[in-house]
Amino acid sequence: MKTKICGISDSETLKYLTKHTNSPGYIGFIVNYQKSKRFVEYHKLKELLKVDKNNSKYVAVLVQPDENILKKIKDLPFDYYQIYDCNLAELKFIKKIIIGKL
């Protein structure tokens, strides 16, 4: 079984998690939901993602992402995208932007 810890917003916590002997399988970052107290501004997110993942995978947590944010984050070192509140057509659009094809 793997674990996911979500809402990481500071490098000290992130380094602790990634270097831990029982590091989580997945570490999530709130990318575009500003209402969350765990939301991470883009410039800070870029710096956080420079921390070595070691054995963890990085997850972009997105709520109804628009084209602008998708284009900004598509080249960041995320391993997974966790999407909320999107219909099938929106998911296909997201996939097209992130992957570049359907």
Protein backbone atom coordinates (compact mmCIF):
# COMPACT_ATOMS: atom_id res chain seq x y z
CA MET A 1 0.00 0.00 0.00
CA LYS A 2 1.21 3.50 -0.82
CA THR A 3 0.35 6.73 0.94
CA LYS A 4 -0.29 10.24 -0.34
CA ILE A 5 0.25 13.39 1.64
CA CYS A 6 -1.40 16.39 0.10
CA GLY A 7 -1.24 20.13 0.54
CA ILE A 8 2.49 20.54 1.00
CA SER A 9 3.42 24.19 0.76
CA ASP A 10 6.86 24.61 2.33
CA SER A 11 10.29 23.22 1.52
CA GLU A 12 11.13 22.16 5.08
CA THR A 13 8.16 19.78 5.23
CA LEU A 14 8.77 18.59 1.69
CA LYS A 15 12.43 17.78 2.39
CA TYR A 16 11.45 15.95 5.57
CA LEU A 17 8.94 13.82 3.66
CA THR A 18 11.15 13.00 0.68
CA LYS A 19 14.15 12.08 2.85
CA HIS A 20 12.20 10.02 5.37
CA THR A 21 12.90 6.28 5.43
CA ASN A 22 9.15 5.70 5.00
CA SER A 23 8.51 8.49 2.54
CA PRO A 24 5.01 8.72 1.06
CA GLY A 25 4.42 7.25 -2.38
CA TYR A 26 2.77 10.48 -3.52
CA ILE A 27 3.06 14.11 -2.48
CA GLY A 28 0.34 16.50 -3.61
CA PHE A 29 0.44 20.24 -4.24
CA ILE A 30 -2.67 22.45 -4.47
CA VAL A 31 -1.88 24.16 -7.77
CA ASN A 32 -4.84 26.34 -8.68
CA TYR A 33 -7.47 26.33 -5.94
CA GLN A 34 -6.86 29.64 -4.19
CA LYS A 35 -9.63 29.04 -1.64
CA SER A 36 -7.52 26.33 -0.04
CA LYS A 37 -5.27 27.38 2.82
CA ARG A 38 -2.72 24.95 1.31
CA PHE A 39 -2.71 26.63 -2.14
CA VAL A 40 0.80 27.25 -3.50
CA GLU A 41 1.52 30.26 -5.71
CA TYR A 42 3.17 29.36 -9.03
CA HIS A 43 6.56 30.97 -8.31
CA LYS A 44 6.77 29.16 -4.96
CA LEU A 45 5.59 25.91 -6.55
CA LYS A 46 8.45 26.04 -9.07
CA GLU A 47 10.94 26.33 -6.21
CA LEU A 48 9.32 23.55 -4.17
CA LEU A 49 9.45 21.17 -7.10
CA LYS A 50 13.24 21.52 -7.23
CA VAL A 51 13.40 19.39 -4.08
CA ASP A 52 14.54 15.88 -5.00
CA LYS A 53 11.55 13.51 -5.03
CA ASN A 54 13.66 10.50 -4.10
CA ASN A 55 11.11 7.64 -3.92
CA SER A 56 7.99 9.81 -3.99
CA LYS A 57 5.89 10.94 -6.96
CA TYR A 58 4.70 14.54 -7.27
CA VAL A 59 0.98 15.16 -7.86
CA ALA A 60 -0.59 18.38 -9.18
CA VAL A 61 -4.00 18.79 -7.55
CA LEU A 62 -6.22 20.85 -9.86
CA VAL A 63 -9.80 22.07 -9.53
CA GLN A 64 -11.41 22.98 -12.86
CA PRO A 65 -8.08 24.06 -14.34
CA ASP A 66 -8.09 26.56 -17.18
CA GLU A 67 -5.80 26.56 -20.19
CA ASN A 68 -3.51 29.19 -18.67
CA ILE A 69 -2.58 27.19 -15.57
CA LEU A 70 -2.27 23.96 -17.57
CA LYS A 71 0.23 25.55 -19.94
CA LYS A 72 2.18 27.01 -17.02
CA ILE A 73 2.55 23.69 -15.20
CA LYS A 74 2.83 21.20 -18.05
CA ASP A 75 6.64 21.28 -18.00
CA LEU A 76 6.96 21.09 -14.23
CA PRO A 77 8.13 17.73 -12.84
CA PHE A 78 4.72 16.34 -11.92
CA ASP A 79 4.21 12.60 -12.20
CA TYR A 80 0.43 12.70 -11.87
CA TYR A 81 -2.47 15.12 -12.15
CA GLN A 82 -5.42 14.85 -9.78
CA ILE A 83 -8.39 16.62 -11.36
CA TYR A 84 -11.60 17.74 -9.64
CA ASP A 85 -14.92 19.04 -10.94
CA CYS A 86 -14.43 18.39 -14.66
CA ASN A 87 -16.63 16.60 -17.17
CA LEU A 88 -15.36 14.22 -19.84
CA ALA A 89 -14.94 16.93 -22.50
CA GLU A 90 -12.93 19.06 -20.07
CA LEU A 91 -10.75 16.08 -19.15
CA LYS A 92 -10.00 15.46 -22.83
CA PHE A 93 -9.06 19.13 -23.22
CA ILE A 94 -6.76 18.90 -20.18
CA LYS A 95 -5.12 15.79 -21.57
CA LYS A 96 -4.59 17.48 -24.92
CA ILE A 97 -2.79 20.41 -23.32
CA ILE A 98 -0.71 18.38 -20.85
CA ILE A 99 0.24 15.54 -23.19
CA GLY A 100 -0.14 17.36 -26.48
CA LYS A 101 -2.55 14.88 -28.03
CA LEU A 102 -5.80 13.03 -27.39
